[in-house]
Protein backbone atom coordinates (compact mmCIF):
# COMPACT_ATOMS: atom_id res chain seq x y z
CA MET A 1 -31.28 -20.08 -30.52
CA PRO A 2 -30.62 -22.29 -27.49
CA LEU A 3 -28.46 -21.34 -24.89
CA ILE A 4 -24.54 -23.05 -24.89
CA THR A 5 -23.56 -24.49 -21.55
CA VAL A 6 -19.70 -24.02 -21.23
CA SER A 7 -17.68 -25.80 -18.57
CA ALA A 8 -15.19 -23.62 -16.40
CA THR A 9 -12.19 -25.78 -18.09
CA GLU A 10 -13.54 -25.24 -21.64
CA ALA A 11 -13.99 -21.40 -20.82
CA LEU A 12 -10.58 -21.17 -19.55
CA GLU A 13 -9.27 -22.64 -22.79
CA ARG A 14 -11.47 -20.72 -25.05
CA LEU A 15 -11.39 -17.20 -23.13
CA ASP A 16 -9.94 -15.51 -25.92
CA ALA A 17 -12.61 -16.80 -28.42
CA PHE A 18 -15.57 -15.13 -27.00
CA SER A 19 -16.93 -12.07 -28.45
CA ALA A 20 -17.35 -10.70 -25.01
CA ILE A 21 -17.62 -11.91 -21.38
CA VAL A 22 -20.53 -10.55 -19.59
CA ASP A 23 -20.75 -10.58 -15.83
CA ALA A 24 -24.23 -10.75 -14.65
CA ARG A 25 -23.49 -10.29 -11.04
CA SER A 26 -23.73 -6.94 -9.10
CA GLU A 27 -21.03 -4.26 -8.90
CA SER A 28 -19.54 -5.22 -5.67
CA GLU A 29 -19.25 -9.00 -6.70
CA TYR A 30 -17.61 -7.77 -10.10
CA ALA A 31 -15.27 -5.32 -8.46
CA LEU A 32 -14.05 -8.07 -6.04
CA ASP A 33 -12.95 -10.31 -8.82
CA ARG A 34 -14.07 -11.05 -12.56
CA LEU A 35 -13.00 -12.95 -15.57
CA PRO A 36 -10.41 -11.33 -17.40
CA GLY A 37 -11.73 -8.62 -19.80
CA ALA A 38 -15.40 -9.15 -18.39
CA VAL A 39 -18.02 -6.27 -18.58
CA ASN A 40 -20.57 -5.83 -16.08
CA TRP A 41 -24.20 -6.00 -16.99
CA PRO A 42 -25.67 -6.60 -13.25
CA THR A 43 -29.07 -8.57 -13.52
CA LEU A 44 -29.61 -7.17 -10.04
CA ASN A 45 -27.53 -4.27 -8.62
CA ASP A 46 -26.24 -4.40 -5.17
CA ALA A 47 -29.37 -2.62 -3.38
CA GLU A 48 -31.76 -4.76 -5.58
CA ARG A 49 -30.06 -7.79 -4.70
CA THR A 50 -30.11 -7.33 -0.74
CA SER A 51 -33.65 -6.38 -1.09
CA VAL A 52 -34.69 -9.41 -2.85
CA GLY A 53 -32.64 -11.47 -0.76
CA THR A 54 -34.17 -10.10 2.42
CA GLU A 55 -37.80 -10.38 1.20
CA TYR A 56 -37.13 -14.03 0.14
CA LYS A 57 -35.44 -14.99 3.54
CA GLN A 58 -37.78 -13.02 5.89
CA ASP A 59 -41.18 -12.80 3.84
CA SER A 60 -41.90 -15.06 0.91
CA PRO A 61 -39.48 -16.81 -1.57
CA PHE A 62 -42.22 -16.78 -4.14
CA SER A 63 -43.03 -12.97 -3.72
CA ALA A 64 -39.12 -12.25 -3.89
CA ARG A 65 -39.09 -14.07 -7.09
CA LYS A 66 -41.78 -12.01 -8.51
CA ARG A 67 -40.11 -8.74 -7.55
CA GLY A 68 -36.63 -10.01 -8.44
CA ALA A 69 -37.95 -10.92 -11.94
CA VAL A 70 -39.59 -7.39 -12.40
CA LEU A 71 -36.13 -5.96 -11.44
CA ALA A 72 -34.17 -8.23 -13.59
CA ALA A 73 -36.42 -7.66 -16.60
CA ARG A 74 -36.16 -3.67 -16.41
CA ASN A 75 -32.14 -4.25 -15.85
CA ILE A 76 -31.67 -6.57 -18.92
CA ALA A 77 -33.79 -4.31 -20.92
CA ALA A 78 -31.41 -1.48 -20.09
CA HIS A 79 -28.60 -3.51 -20.86
CA ILE A 80 -29.72 -4.34 -24.31
CA GLU A 81 -30.64 -0.86 -25.17
CA ARG A 82 -27.52 0.61 -23.63
CA HIS A 83 -24.88 -1.92 -25.36
CA ALA A 84 -26.69 -4.37 -27.72
CA LEU A 85 -28.44 -2.52 -30.11
CA GLU A 86 -25.73 -2.16 -32.47
CA LEU A 87 -24.03 -5.56 -32.05
CA PRO A 88 -23.74 -7.85 -35.15
CA ARG A 89 -25.86 -11.02 -35.38
CA ASP A 90 -22.35 -13.25 -34.81
CA TRP A 91 -21.79 -11.44 -31.57
CA SER A 92 -21.05 -14.51 -29.05
CA PRO A 93 -20.73 -13.76 -25.55
CA LEU A 94 -20.00 -15.81 -22.56
CA VAL A 95 -22.44 -14.89 -19.84
CA TYR A 96 -22.00 -15.80 -16.03
CA CYS A 97 -22.96 -15.10 -12.63
CA TRP A 98 -22.10 -16.37 -9.13
CA ARG A 99 -23.17 -20.11 -9.59
CA GLY A 100 -24.35 -20.13 -13.10
CA GLY A 101 -27.95 -19.87 -12.27
CA GLN A 102 -30.87 -17.29 -12.64
CA ARG A 103 -29.01 -14.35 -13.21
CA SER A 104 -26.90 -15.51 -16.10
CA GLY A 105 -29.78 -17.75 -17.31
CA SER A 106 -32.01 -14.69 -17.25
CA LEU A 107 -29.77 -12.58 -19.31
CA GLY A 108 -28.58 -15.24 -21.74
CA LEU A 109 -32.11 -16.51 -22.47
CA VAL A 110 -33.10 -13.04 -23.74
CA LEU A 111 -29.76 -12.50 -25.57
CA SER A 112 -30.25 -16.06 -27.21
CA GLN A 113 -34.00 -15.42 -28.18
CA ILE A 114 -32.70 -12.12 -29.87
CA GLY A 115 -30.59 -14.51 -32.05
CA PHE A 116 -27.20 -14.34 -30.49
CA ARG A 117 -25.07 -17.31 -30.01
CA VAL A 118 -24.97 -17.16 -26.05
CA ASN A 119 -22.82 -19.40 -23.75
CA VAL A 120 -23.51 -19.62 -20.29
CA LEU A 121 -20.53 -20.71 -17.85
CA GLU A 122 -21.60 -23.69 -16.04
CA GLY A 123 -21.21 -23.18 -12.16
CA GLY A 124 -20.73 -19.62 -12.78
CA TYR A 125 -17.83 -17.62 -11.28
CA GLN A 126 -17.46 -20.10 -8.36
CA ALA A 127 -16.31 -22.80 -11.03
CA PHE A 128 -14.17 -20.51 -12.99
CA ARG A 129 -12.43 -19.59 -9.50
CA ARG A 130 -11.86 -23.38 -8.49
CA ALA A 131 -10.41 -23.93 -11.99
CA VAL A 132 -8.16 -20.83 -11.76
CA VAL A 133 -6.76 -22.29 -8.23
CA ALA A 134 -6.20 -25.72 -9.85
CA ALA A 135 -4.57 -24.24 -12.77
CA LEU A 136 -2.39 -22.30 -10.67
CA GLU A 137 -0.91 -25.54 -9.22
CA THR A 138 -0.03 -26.65 -12.54
CA LEU A 139 1.04 -23.53 -14.84
CA PRO A 140 4.34 -22.68 -13.12
CA ALA A 141 5.91 -25.91 -13.57
CA ARG A 142 5.51 -25.74 -17.31
CA LEU A 143 7.66 -22.38 -17.49
CA GLU A 144 11.19 -21.75 -16.80
CA PHE A 145 12.00 -18.69 -14.77
CA VAL A 146 14.96 -16.49 -14.33
CA VAL A 147 14.86 -14.53 -10.83
CA VAL A 148 16.12 -10.96 -11.07
CA CYS A 149 17.67 -10.32 -7.60
CA GLY A 150 19.52 -7.45 -5.81
CA THR A 151 19.12 -5.29 -2.93
CA THR A 152 16.24 -2.63 -2.22
CA GLY A 153 16.69 0.26 -4.53
CA SER A 154 18.99 -1.72 -7.26
CA GLY A 155 16.36 -1.18 -9.87
CA LYS A 156 14.63 -4.68 -10.23
CA SER A 157 11.47 -3.65 -11.27
CA LEU A 158 13.32 -1.09 -13.87
CA LEU A 159 15.34 -4.32 -15.30
CA LEU A 160 12.21 -5.83 -15.64
CA ARG A 161 10.21 -3.16 -17.67
CA ALA A 162 13.61 -2.69 -19.80
CA LEU A 163 13.58 -6.55 -20.53
CA ALA A 164 9.78 -6.41 -21.72
CA ALA A 165 10.77 -3.52 -23.89
CA ARG A 166 13.14 -5.73 -25.57
CA GLY A 167 10.51 -8.27 -26.13
CA GLU A 168 11.67 -10.75 -23.30
CA GLN A 169 8.98 -12.58 -21.47
CA VAL A 170 8.35 -10.98 -17.75
CA LEU A 171 6.31 -11.71 -14.87
CA ASP A 172 5.80 -8.29 -13.02
CA LEU A 173 4.04 -9.43 -9.64
CA GLU A 174 4.51 -5.76 -7.95
CA THR A 175 2.62 -4.32 -10.85
CA ILE A 176 -0.24 -7.11 -10.73
CA ALA A 177 -0.18 -6.51 -6.87
CA ASN A 178 -0.15 -2.40 -7.15
CA HIS A 179 2.30 -2.69 -4.57
CA ARG A 180 6.27 -2.17 -4.49
CA GLY A 181 6.99 -5.02 -2.04
CA SER A 182 7.97 -3.47 1.26
CA VAL A 183 6.75 -1.59 4.15
CA LEU A 184 7.05 1.41 2.19
CA GLY A 185 5.52 -0.28 -1.26
CA LEU A 186 2.02 0.87 -1.22
CA ILE A 187 1.42 4.05 -2.97
CA PRO A 188 -0.46 6.57 -1.06
CA GLY A 189 -4.18 6.94 -1.69
CA GLU A 190 -4.14 3.27 -3.70
CA THR A 191 -5.11 -0.09 -2.66
CA GLN A 192 -4.36 -3.32 -3.69
CA PRO A 193 -6.69 -5.95 -5.35
CA SER A 194 -8.43 -8.49 -3.46
CA GLN A 195 -6.62 -11.81 -3.11
CA LYS A 196 -9.02 -13.49 -5.58
CA ALA A 197 -8.39 -10.73 -8.04
CA PHE A 198 -4.69 -11.14 -7.69
CA ASP A 199 -4.70 -14.73 -8.25
CA THR A 200 -7.12 -14.36 -11.38
CA ALA A 201 -4.44 -11.77 -12.83
CA VAL A 202 -1.43 -13.88 -12.02
CA TRP A 203 -3.14 -17.04 -13.70
CA ASN A 204 -4.07 -14.70 -16.72
CA ALA A 205 -0.52 -13.56 -17.06
CA LEU A 206 0.80 -17.15 -16.88
CA ARG A 207 -1.26 -18.57 -19.24
CA LYS A 208 -0.13 -16.08 -21.92
CA LEU A 209 3.69 -17.07 -21.55
CA ASP A 210 5.44 -19.31 -23.79
CA SER A 211 7.04 -22.39 -22.33
CA ALA A 212 9.72 -22.37 -24.70
CA ARG A 213 11.15 -19.03 -23.69
CA PRO A 214 12.67 -18.01 -20.29
CA VAL A 215 10.35 -15.57 -18.00
CA PHE A 216 12.11 -13.03 -15.87
CA VAL A 217 10.62 -12.27 -12.55
CA GLU A 218 11.56 -10.46 -9.49
CA SER A 219 13.02 -12.16 -6.10
CA GLU A 220 9.64 -11.58 -4.36
CA SER A 221 8.86 -12.91 -1.00
CA ALA A 222 5.99 -15.16 -0.16
CA LYS A 223 3.72 -12.08 0.01
CA VAL A 224 3.45 -8.79 -2.08
CA GLY A 225 2.31 -6.40 0.26
CA ASP A 226 -1.00 -8.22 1.94
CA LEU A 227 -1.54 -10.47 -1.14
CA ARG A 228 -0.19 -14.17 -1.15
CA VAL A 229 1.94 -15.43 -4.26
CA PRO A 230 0.43 -18.71 -5.34
CA PRO A 231 2.34 -21.25 -3.26
CA VAL A 232 3.49 -23.48 -6.45
CA LEU A 233 4.64 -20.30 -8.30
CA ILE A 234 6.94 -18.94 -5.27
CA GLU A 235 8.06 -22.68 -5.11
CA ARG A 236 9.23 -22.64 -8.72
CA MET A 237 10.59 -19.02 -8.46
CA ARG A 238 12.97 -20.08 -5.46
CA ALA A 239 14.16 -23.18 -7.44
CA SER A 240 15.18 -21.17 -10.28
CA PRO A 241 18.36 -19.78 -11.75
CA CYS A 242 19.10 -16.19 -10.50
CA ILE A 243 20.73 -12.82 -11.76
CA TRP A 244 22.24 -10.24 -9.60
CA LEU A 245 21.44 -6.65 -10.30
CA ASP A 246 24.09 -4.30 -8.66
CA LEU A 247 23.83 -0.66 -8.05
CA ALA A 248 26.13 1.62 -6.02
CA MET A 249 24.78 2.96 -2.78
CA ASP A 250 24.41 6.54 -4.01
CA GLY A 251 22.79 5.51 -6.90
CA ARG A 252 20.40 3.33 -4.95
CA VAL A 253 19.31 6.21 -2.65
CA SER A 254 19.03 8.59 -5.83
CA LEU A 255 16.79 5.74 -7.36
CA LEU A 256 14.49 5.54 -4.41
CA MET A 257 14.34 9.41 -4.01
CA ARG A 258 12.84 9.38 -7.66
CA GLU A 259 10.87 6.33 -7.36
CA TYR A 260 9.17 7.27 -4.03
CA ASP A 261 8.81 10.94 -4.63
CA PHE A 262 5.57 11.13 -3.11
CA PHE A 263 7.28 10.40 0.27
CA VAL A 264 9.70 13.16 -0.32
CA ARG A 265 6.69 15.69 -0.99
CA ASP A 266 4.79 14.40 1.88
CA VAL A 267 6.97 13.77 4.97
CA ALA A 268 3.98 13.37 7.48
CA ALA A 269 3.07 10.06 4.98
CA PHE A 270 6.64 8.90 5.22
CA CYS A 271 7.04 9.25 8.74
CA GLY A 272 3.66 7.42 9.28
CA ARG A 273 4.73 4.70 7.24
CA LEU A 274 8.09 4.36 9.26
CA ASP A 275 5.97 3.36 12.20
CA ALA A 276 5.29 0.02 11.07
CA LEU A 277 9.17 -0.64 11.28
CA ARG A 278 8.95 -0.10 15.11
CA VAL A 279 8.65 -3.68 15.98
CA HIS A 280 11.70 -4.54 13.96
CA ARG A 281 13.91 -1.60 14.83
CA GLY A 282 12.70 -0.07 17.96
CA HIS A 283 11.29 3.27 18.99
CA GLU A 284 14.49 5.07 19.44
CA THR A 285 15.58 4.37 16.02
CA VAL A 286 12.36 4.94 14.22
CA ASN A 287 12.01 8.26 16.12
CA GLY A 288 15.35 9.18 15.07
CA TRP A 289 14.35 8.60 11.42
CA GLN A 290 11.49 10.53 11.80
CA GLU A 291 13.05 13.62 13.29
CA SER A 292 15.68 13.33 10.66
CA ALA A 293 12.73 13.40 7.82
CA ARG A 294 11.04 16.09 9.26
CA ASN A 295 14.26 18.18 9.37
CA GLY A 296 14.73 17.58 5.56
CA ARG A 297 17.03 14.85 5.79
CA ILE A 298 15.11 12.21 4.17
CA LYS A 299 18.10 11.27 1.72
CA SER A 300 20.15 10.28 4.97
CA VAL A 301 17.18 8.32 6.39
CA VAL A 302 16.96 6.36 2.98
CA ARG A 303 20.71 5.69 3.18
CA ASP A 304 20.28 4.30 6.76
CA LEU A 305 17.07 2.30 6.05
CA LEU A 306 19.08 0.41 3.11
CA ASP A 307 22.52 0.12 5.18
CA SER A 308 20.78 -1.16 8.68
CA HIS A 309 17.40 -2.55 7.84
CA TYR A 310 16.61 -3.47 4.27
CA ASP A 311 19.88 -4.96 3.05
CA PRO A 312 20.70 -7.35 5.93
CA ILE A 313 17.15 -8.60 5.86
CA TYR A 314 17.23 -9.09 1.98
CA LEU A 315 20.54 -10.94 2.02
CA GLN A 316 19.56 -13.19 4.66
CA SER A 317 16.10 -13.87 2.83
CA MET A 318 18.10 -14.60 -0.35
CA GLY A 319 20.40 -16.98 1.44
CA TRP A 320 17.51 -19.02 2.82
CA ASN A 321 15.00 -18.92 -0.14
CA PHE A 322 17.13 -18.37 -3.17
CA PRO A 323 19.86 -20.82 -3.56
CA GLY A 324 20.56 -19.75 -7.05
CA THR A 325 21.90 -16.87 -5.89
CA THR A 326 25.06 -18.75 -4.64
CA ARG A 327 25.77 -19.72 -8.69
CA LEU A 328 24.52 -16.58 -10.49
CA LEU A 329 23.86 -16.84 -14.28
CA ALA A 330 25.31 -13.31 -14.04
CA GLU A 331 26.11 -10.48 -11.67
CA ILE A 332 25.09 -7.17 -13.54
CA VAL A 333 26.42 -3.71 -12.58
CA TRP A 334 24.82 -0.69 -13.90
CA ASP A 335 25.19 2.86 -13.25
CA GLY A 336 21.63 4.28 -12.89
CA SER A 337 21.29 5.76 -16.28
CA ASP A 338 18.96 5.21 -18.94
CA ALA A 339 21.71 3.70 -21.09
CA GLY A 340 23.32 1.66 -18.38
CA LEU A 341 19.79 0.08 -17.70
CA ARG A 342 19.44 -0.78 -21.24
CA ALA A 343 22.83 -2.41 -21.31
CA ALA A 344 21.92 -4.36 -18.18
CA ALA A 345 18.77 -5.77 -20.01
CA ALA A 346 20.87 -6.57 -22.92
CA GLU A 347 23.50 -8.44 -20.56
CA ALA A 348 20.75 -10.17 -18.85
CA ALA A 349 19.03 -11.59 -21.93
CA THR A 350 22.30 -12.80 -23.38
CA ALA A 351 23.24 -14.56 -20.10
CA VAL A 352 20.08 -16.31 -20.27
CA ARG A 353 20.75 -17.43 -23.81
CA VAL A 354 24.32 -18.53 -23.00
CA LYS A 355 23.17 -20.71 -20.21
CA ALA A 356 20.20 -22.14 -22.06
CA PRO A 357 20.68 -25.90 -22.99
C-alpha cells in the first residue's frame, strides 16, 4: 500500500482521526517535544544517531548511510515485533521524524508494505512546530476567557479545579507548565517541560475548547516559572473580564501551608528557595525569614511573605495588566472549606452566565 503524505495543517486538523501517532525520532528528540499522544519508535536511538552523524561528517556519507540502514532495519524490525504484530489491518498511523525524511520514510515504508494505511507527516516535526506556532496566534481570539484573580493563597487554582469538576471549561496553565507561578512555585525534585512542549500542550488544550462557552483561566503573568505564555494568549487574557476570589489572611496562610507542605517538611529547601528574593527584599529581610523558618516559625514567615511581598506585587500587577479588575463580573468570598469552594465555583459560573449577552 503506498505511503500517504499529510501536510502539517491537515495533520493538526485530523490529529484525533489517526489510529496512532508514531514518532520515529530518537529518545531525546521525543522527550523535548512531540505531537500529542505520540509513541516513540526510534529508527535510530540517540547513540546510533550521534555515531552515524559523526561518520557522515568525518568519514564517508556513503558508509554512514550503509551503517545507518543496518541499524534502522534492526530497530524497525524490533518495533514491529514488539508493537505491531497484533495490530488490525485497518490500523492507520501518522508517522513522523525531524524533517519528514529518511527515518519516518523508512519506518513508514515497511509498515505500508505489511498492508497498513500509513500517513507520513510532510516536513516532519519541524513543519508541525511551525503550524503550532501559527495556530497559537489565532486560536486565542476565537475563545472567550474569564480570568480568575485573587491574591496569592486565595485558592485560584483550587477554584479552577472546582469549576472543571462542574463541567466548566478551564485552561490550567500552571498544571501544563508544572509550576505554581511564583518563586516558590516549582515543586522540589520536579522539572518544567521545554518551551516547545509547553507550547504544544497549550495548543492542544486550546484546540479542544468550545468557542461558544466561556473558558476560565488564572491571572498569570507572561511567564509561568521559566516558560513564556504565548503572547497572543496573554494579550487575550489581559483584555478579558475578571472574577475576584477572596479568602481571609488566616485562611490563605493555612491553604499555603497545606499546598506547599513539602516546604514545611523540608525547611532547608524552603530557605534555599527564599534566597531568590534577596534581589527584591534585601539580605536582612531574607535572612530574618530564614532564621524564623529554621526556628519553626514558618507560618509567620508565610504571613509576612504575603503581606509585605506577594500582595503588593500582585495588586500592582493586576492594576497594570488586567483592567477587568476595575469592573469585576463578581467578587467571591469563600472560607477555605470544601463546601465553600463548591459554592464559590457555582457563584463564578452563575456570574458568567448572567453577564453573557
